[in-house]
C-alpha atoms as a PDB file:
ATOM      1  CA  MET A   1      -0.116   1.978  11.145  1.00  0.00           C
ATOM      2  CA  LYS A   2       1.579   5.110  12.451  1.00  0.00           C
ATOM      3  CA  LEU A   3       4.872   3.251  13.006  1.00  0.00           C
ATOM      4  CA  LEU A   4       4.781   1.910   9.452  1.00  0.00           C
ATOM      5  CA  GLN A   5       4.184   5.434   8.128  1.00  0.00           C
ATOM      6  CA  GLU A   6       7.114   6.788  10.140  1.00  0.00           C
ATOM      7  CA  LEU A   7       9.426   4.058   8.861  1.00  0.00           C
ATOM      8  CA  ASN A   8       8.269   4.666   5.284  1.00  0.00           C
ATOM      9  CA  ASN A   9       8.782   8.426   5.607  1.00  0.00           C
ATOM     10  CA  ALA A  10      12.324   7.687   6.805  1.00  0.00           C
ATOM     11  CA  GLY A  11      12.992   5.846   3.532  1.00  0.00           C
ATOM     12  CA  THR A  12      12.090   2.235   4.334  1.00  0.00           C
ATOM     13  CA  THR A  13      10.201   0.393   1.597  1.00  0.00           C
ATOM     14  CA  MET A  14       7.151  -1.457   2.897  1.00  0.00           C
ATOM     15  CA  ILE A  15       5.244  -4.340   1.363  1.00  0.00           C
ATOM     16  CA  MET A  16       1.894  -5.015   2.986  1.00  0.00           C
ATOM     17  CA  VAL A  17      -0.560  -7.798   2.177  1.00  0.00           C
ATOM     18  CA  THR A  18      -4.105  -7.015   3.274  1.00  0.00           C
ATOM     19  CA  HIS A  19      -7.743  -7.614   2.467  1.00  0.00           C
ATOM     20  CA  SER A  20      -8.678  -4.323   4.137  1.00  0.00           C
ATOM     21  CA  PRO A  21      -9.505  -1.429   1.786  1.00  0.00           C
ATOM     22  CA  TYR A  22      -8.954   0.956   4.721  1.00  0.00           C
ATOM     23  CA  ASP A  23      -5.400  -0.261   5.324  1.00  0.00           C
ATOM     24  CA  ALA A  24      -4.676  -0.362   1.587  1.00  0.00           C
ATOM     25  CA  GLY A  25      -5.680   3.308   1.475  1.00  0.00           C
ATOM     26  CA  PHE A  26      -2.385   4.170   3.185  1.00  0.00           C
ATOM     27  CA  ALA A  27      -0.337   2.714   0.332  1.00  0.00           C
ATOM     28  CA  HIS A  28       1.363   4.678  -2.441  1.00  0.00           C
ATOM     29  CA  ARG A  29       0.846   1.780  -4.831  1.00  0.00           C
ATOM     30  CA  ILE A  30      -1.874  -0.887  -4.767  1.00  0.00           C
ATOM     31  CA  VAL A  31      -1.618  -4.108  -6.757  1.00  0.00           C
ATOM     32  CA  ASN A  32      -4.675  -6.382  -6.795  1.00  0.00           C
ATOM     33  CA  LEU A  33      -4.153 -10.081  -7.444  1.00  0.00           C
ATOM     34  CA  PHE A  34      -6.550 -12.850  -8.417  1.00  0.00           C
ATOM     35  CA  ASP A  35      -5.351 -16.453  -8.499  1.00  0.00           C
ATOM     36  CA  GLY A  36      -1.765 -15.189  -8.268  1.00  0.00           C
ATOM     37  CA  ARG A  37      -2.017 -12.859 -11.259  1.00  0.00           C
ATOM     38  CA  VAL A  38      -2.026  -9.062 -11.310  1.00  0.00           C
ATOM     39  CA  VAL A  39      -5.481  -7.792 -12.279  1.00  0.00           C
ATOM     40  CA  THR A  40      -5.112  -4.088 -11.441  1.00  0.00           C
ATOM     41  CA  GLU A  41      -2.364  -1.727 -10.353  1.00  0.00           C
ATOM     42  CA  ASN A  42      -2.903   1.800  -9.038  1.00  0.00           C
ATOM     43  CA  ILE A  43      -0.287   4.375  -8.138  1.00  0.00           C
ATOM     44  CA  LYS A  44      -1.629   7.221  -6.030  1.00  0.00           C
ATOM     45  CA  GLU A  45      -0.444  10.785  -6.396  1.00  0.00           C
ATOM     46  CA  GLN A  46      -2.057  11.717  -3.062  1.00  0.00           C
ATOM     47  CA  PHE A  47      -2.131   9.439  -0.039  1.00  0.00           C
ATOM     48  CA  HIS A  48      -2.702   9.473   3.738  1.00  0.00           C
ATOM     49  CA  VAL A  49       0.165  10.898   5.771  1.00  0.00           C
END
């Protein structure tokens, strides 16, 4: 996860697909899907660094 954070801090956009709430907690934006449709979208102001 640290490498992904370093790449993101350097300006690289990351897209991560996960079922892990812990890993999703590192994201700036979380989009939840159900049957291929967006059901929720959250944009964090504060996130793990």
